[in-house]
N, C-alpha and C. Protein backbone atom coordinates (compact mmCIF):
# COMPACT_ATOMS: atom_id res chain seq x y z
N MET A 1 29.56 9.94 46.37
CA MET A 1 28.85 9.37 45.10
C MET A 1 27.70 10.54 45.18
N ALA A 2 27.50 11.00 43.77
CA ALA A 2 26.57 12.21 43.53
C ALA A 2 25.33 11.61 43.35
N GLU A 3 24.37 12.17 44.10
CA GLU A 3 22.76 11.81 44.03
C GLU A 3 22.24 12.10 42.52
N GLN A 4 21.47 11.07 41.78
CA GLN A 4 20.92 11.37 40.79
C GLN A 4 19.67 11.84 40.46
N MET A 5 19.36 12.83 39.60
CA MET A 5 18.31 13.37 39.52
C MET A 5 17.12 12.89 38.58
N PRO A 6 16.09 12.48 39.07
CA PRO A 6 14.87 12.07 38.26
C PRO A 6 14.63 12.65 36.91
N PRO A 7 14.79 12.21 35.83
CA PRO A 7 14.34 12.59 34.74
C PRO A 7 13.19 13.38 34.61
N ASP A 8 13.24 14.55 33.74
CA ASP A 8 12.24 15.48 33.66
C ASP A 8 11.32 14.77 33.14
N PRO A 9 9.99 14.83 33.68
CA PRO A 9 8.78 14.01 32.90
C PRO A 9 8.63 14.78 31.66
N GLU A 10 8.72 15.99 31.46
CA GLU A 10 8.58 16.83 30.18
C GLU A 10 9.34 16.30 28.89
N GLN A 11 10.58 16.05 29.31
CA GLN A 11 11.54 15.56 28.52
C GLN A 11 11.30 14.05 28.05
N VAL A 12 10.96 13.48 29.29
CA VAL A 12 10.57 11.68 28.87
C VAL A 12 9.52 11.85 27.59
N LEU A 13 8.38 12.70 27.99
CA LEU A 13 7.11 12.67 27.41
C LEU A 13 7.51 13.39 25.85
N ALA A 14 8.42 14.26 25.60
CA ALA A 14 8.98 14.51 24.22
C ALA A 14 9.83 13.62 23.77
N SER A 15 10.14 12.81 24.31
CA SER A 15 10.97 11.97 23.74
C SER A 15 10.24 10.26 23.12
N PHE A 16 9.23 10.48 24.08
CA PHE A 16 8.27 9.20 23.56
C PHE A 16 7.41 9.87 22.59
N MET A 17 6.87 11.23 22.46
CA MET A 17 6.06 11.67 21.29
C MET A 17 7.03 11.61 20.21
N GLU A 18 8.23 12.01 20.13
CA GLU A 18 9.12 11.80 18.86
C GLU A 18 9.43 10.26 18.28
N ARG A 19 9.56 9.60 19.16
CA ARG A 19 9.80 8.09 18.85
C ARG A 19 8.48 7.51 18.21
N HIS A 20 7.29 7.98 18.63
CA HIS A 20 5.89 7.49 18.40
C HIS A 20 5.57 8.27 17.12
N GLN A 21 6.06 9.33 16.85
CA GLN A 21 6.22 9.91 15.34
C GLN A 21 6.61 9.17 14.55
N GLN A 22 8.01 8.85 14.77
CA GLN A 22 8.89 8.06 13.98
C GLN A 22 8.13 6.77 13.51
N MET A 23 7.58 6.32 14.64
CA MET A 23 6.95 4.78 14.20
C MET A 23 5.89 4.96 13.28
N ILE A 24 5.33 6.14 13.43
CA ILE A 24 3.98 6.19 12.57
C ILE A 24 4.46 6.82 11.18
N THR A 25 5.50 7.00 10.87
CA THR A 25 6.07 7.74 9.79
C THR A 25 6.63 6.51 9.12
N ALA A 26 7.32 5.79 9.47
CA ALA A 26 7.78 4.43 9.08
C ALA A 26 6.79 3.38 8.97
N GLY A 27 5.48 3.48 9.41
CA GLY A 27 4.42 2.69 9.17
C GLY A 27 4.00 3.05 7.96
N ARG A 28 3.49 4.46 7.74
CA ARG A 28 3.23 4.80 6.79
C ARG A 28 3.80 4.41 5.25
N ARG A 29 5.26 4.70 5.59
CA ARG A 29 6.12 4.60 4.31
C ARG A 29 6.03 3.02 4.02
N ALA A 30 6.48 2.10 5.06
CA ALA A 30 6.04 0.54 4.92
C ALA A 30 4.64 0.32 4.43
N THR A 31 3.69 0.96 4.53
CA THR A 31 2.30 0.73 3.78
C THR A 31 2.23 1.16 2.57
N LEU A 32 2.69 2.26 2.31
CA LEU A 32 2.70 2.85 0.88
C LEU A 32 3.75 1.89 -0.09
N ASP A 33 4.99 1.81 0.40
CA ASP A 33 5.86 0.94 -0.53
C ASP A 33 4.93 -0.61 -0.50
N GLY A 34 4.52 -1.27 0.34
CA GLY A 34 3.85 -2.68 -0.14
C GLY A 34 2.41 -2.11 -1.00
N LEU A 35 1.87 -1.03 -0.68
CA LEU A 35 0.83 -0.62 -1.75
C LEU A 35 1.32 -0.66 -3.38
N GLN A 36 2.45 0.08 -3.26
CA GLN A 36 3.12 0.13 -4.80
C GLN A 36 3.70 -1.56 -5.24
N ALA A 37 4.12 -2.17 -4.54
CA ALA A 37 4.36 -3.60 -4.66
C ALA A 37 3.14 -4.24 -5.04
N TYR A 38 2.09 -4.30 -4.57
CA TYR A 38 0.75 -4.91 -4.88
C TYR A 38 0.16 -4.34 -6.15
N GLU A 39 0.32 -2.88 -6.40
CA GLU A 39 -0.27 -2.39 -7.44
C GLU A 39 0.42 -2.91 -8.76
N GLN A 40 1.56 -3.09 -8.76
CA GLN A 40 2.72 -3.48 -9.91
C GLN A 40 2.33 -4.83 -10.04
N THR A 41 2.31 -5.51 -9.31
CA THR A 41 2.01 -7.03 -9.05
C THR A 41 0.54 -7.38 -10.03
N LEU A 42 -0.42 -6.81 -9.68
CA LEU A 42 -1.72 -6.80 -9.95
C LEU A 42 -1.88 -6.34 -11.36
N SER A 43 -1.03 -5.30 -11.61
CA SER A 43 -0.96 -4.49 -13.05
C SER A 43 -0.20 -5.51 -14.01
N ALA A 44 0.64 -6.09 -13.42
CA ALA A 44 1.47 -7.00 -14.35
C ALA A 44 0.50 -8.23 -14.75
N PHE A 45 -0.52 -8.67 -13.95
CA PHE A 45 -1.33 -9.89 -13.93
C PHE A 45 -2.35 -9.26 -14.88
N ALA A 46 -2.79 -8.32 -14.61
CA ALA A 46 -3.86 -7.54 -15.69
C ALA A 46 -3.12 -7.66 -17.12
N ASP A 47 -2.06 -7.11 -17.12
CA ASP A 47 -1.31 -7.25 -18.49
C ASP A 47 -1.18 -8.96 -18.96
N SER A 48 -0.95 -9.53 -18.22
CA SER A 48 -0.94 -10.86 -18.74
C SER A 48 -2.41 -11.22 -19.04
N GLN A 49 -3.55 -10.76 -18.40
CA GLN A 49 -4.53 -11.38 -18.84
C GLN A 49 -5.12 -10.87 -19.96
N GLU A 50 -4.69 -9.59 -20.42
CA GLU A 50 -4.85 -8.96 -21.65
C GLU A 50 -4.22 -9.55 -23.07
N GLN A 51 -3.04 -10.26 -22.57
CA GLN A 51 -1.99 -10.72 -23.59
C GLN A 51 -3.01 -12.12 -23.84
N LEU A 52 -3.26 -12.62 -23.06
CA LEU A 52 -3.94 -13.95 -23.47
C LEU A 52 -5.22 -13.67 -24.13
N ALA A 53 -5.80 -12.58 -23.93
CA ALA A 53 -7.14 -12.59 -24.33
C ALA A 53 -6.82 -12.01 -25.87
N ALA A 54 -5.57 -11.40 -26.20
CA ALA A 54 -5.54 -10.89 -27.33
C ALA A 54 -5.12 -12.36 -28.24
N ALA A 55 -4.23 -13.31 -27.61
CA ALA A 55 -3.93 -14.33 -28.29
C ALA A 55 -4.81 -15.52 -28.17
N SER A 56 -5.85 -15.33 -27.87
CA SER A 56 -6.83 -16.55 -27.98
C SER A 56 -8.19 -16.20 -29.05
N GLU A 57 -8.15 -17.56 -29.65
CA GLU A 57 -8.90 -17.59 -30.66
C GLU A 57 -10.30 -18.11 -30.48
N VAL A 58 -10.58 -18.00 -29.05
CA VAL A 58 -12.01 -18.60 -28.55
C VAL A 58 -12.57 -17.19 -28.11
N GLU A 59 -13.65 -16.57 -28.91
CA GLU A 59 -14.18 -15.54 -28.58
C GLU A 59 -14.86 -15.20 -27.19
N TRP A 60 -15.43 -16.04 -26.34
CA TRP A 60 -15.87 -15.92 -25.20
C TRP A 60 -14.73 -15.92 -24.18
N LEU A 61 -13.55 -16.52 -24.34
CA LEU A 61 -12.54 -16.55 -23.54
C LEU A 61 -11.76 -15.39 -23.67
N SER A 62 -11.73 -14.79 -24.65
CA SER A 62 -11.33 -13.37 -25.10
C SER A 62 -11.90 -12.45 -24.39
N ARG A 63 -13.09 -12.55 -24.20
CA ARG A 63 -14.06 -11.52 -23.59
C ARG A 63 -13.92 -11.50 -22.31
N LEU A 64 -13.80 -12.73 -21.69
CA LEU A 64 -13.61 -13.05 -20.19
C LEU A 64 -12.39 -12.83 -19.56
N LEU A 65 -11.20 -12.79 -20.45
CA LEU A 65 -9.90 -12.44 -19.93
C LEU A 65 -9.98 -10.81 -19.92
N THR A 66 -10.58 -10.26 -20.92
CA THR A 66 -10.50 -8.74 -20.85
C THR A 66 -10.96 -8.16 -19.83
N ALA A 67 -12.51 -8.88 -19.68
CA ALA A 67 -13.18 -8.29 -18.45
C ALA A 67 -12.33 -8.44 -17.08
N GLN A 68 -11.74 -9.47 -17.24
CA GLN A 68 -11.14 -9.77 -15.67
C GLN A 68 -9.87 -8.90 -15.58
N ALA A 69 -9.32 -8.85 -16.82
CA ALA A 69 -8.10 -7.63 -16.50
C ALA A 69 -8.69 -6.33 -16.43
N GLY A 70 -10.11 -5.87 -16.80
CA GLY A 70 -10.62 -4.57 -16.29
C GLY A 70 -11.19 -4.76 -14.87
N PHE A 71 -11.49 -5.61 -14.41
CA PHE A 71 -11.69 -5.59 -12.99
C PHE A 71 -10.86 -5.70 -12.26
N THR A 72 -9.57 -6.36 -12.43
CA THR A 72 -8.54 -6.21 -11.78
C THR A 72 -7.79 -4.86 -11.57
N ARG A 73 -7.62 -4.40 -12.77
CA ARG A 73 -7.23 -2.78 -12.70
C ARG A 73 -8.48 -1.83 -11.78
N GLU A 74 -9.76 -1.97 -12.07
CA GLU A 74 -10.46 -1.30 -11.16
C GLU A 74 -10.36 -1.58 -9.70
N VAL A 75 -10.23 -2.84 -9.05
CA VAL A 75 -10.20 -3.09 -7.86
C VAL A 75 -8.92 -2.56 -7.38
N VAL A 76 -7.82 -2.61 -8.06
CA VAL A 76 -6.50 -1.95 -7.61
C VAL A 76 -6.62 -0.77 -7.44
N ASN A 77 -7.18 0.07 -8.50
CA ASN A 77 -7.53 1.56 -8.29
C ASN A 77 -8.25 1.77 -7.23
N ALA A 78 -9.58 1.02 -7.07
CA ALA A 78 -10.37 1.44 -5.50
C ALA A 78 -9.64 1.11 -4.47
N ILE A 79 -8.74 0.09 -4.60
CA ILE A 79 -7.94 -0.28 -2.90
C ILE A 79 -6.71 1.02 -3.00
N SER A 80 -6.06 1.39 -4.02
CA SER A 80 -5.31 2.21 -4.10
C SER A 80 -5.70 4.04 -3.41
N LYS A 81 -6.88 4.11 -4.26
CA LYS A 81 -7.25 5.27 -3.67
C LYS A 81 -7.86 5.38 -2.23
N PHE A 82 -8.47 4.37 -1.73
CA PHE A 82 -8.73 4.28 -0.49
C PHE A 82 -7.48 4.18 0.54
N THR A 83 -6.71 3.60 0.14
CA THR A 83 -5.29 3.61 1.24
C THR A 83 -4.99 5.30 1.07
N HIS A 84 -4.61 5.48 0.04
CA HIS A 84 -4.31 6.76 -0.03
C HIS A 84 -4.96 7.86 0.87
N ASP A 85 -6.22 8.14 0.82
CA ASP A 85 -7.11 8.48 1.38
C ASP A 85 -7.04 8.33 2.73
N VAL A 86 -6.78 7.11 3.46
CA VAL A 86 -6.91 6.79 4.65
C VAL A 86 -5.60 7.34 5.54
N MET A 87 -4.58 7.31 4.54
CA MET A 87 -3.22 7.65 5.03
C MET A 87 -3.10 9.22 5.25
N GLU A 88 -4.00 9.85 4.32
CA GLU A 88 -3.85 11.18 4.33
C GLU A 88 -4.60 11.84 5.57
N ALA A 89 -5.75 11.13 6.02
CA ALA A 89 -6.68 11.32 7.15
C ALA A 89 -5.76 11.40 8.49
């Protein structure tokens, strides 16, 4: 029976580092995909708020819905910018 050689530590480390990098890349991709879905959902929600505001005949309600839509868009933009900045760092 042939004697087995122990694995080369450098090869083991290189393999570990490669798999680690693949996991980081997959995690970033999943985060960005999730962020995109979140942005689309909240953008659709803001669109709905604006449509309700346009259809409302009550002045204060129309202003409230318009303000909420603007706030929603600003929050989404801030979260998106922050997440992209963190992912690039």
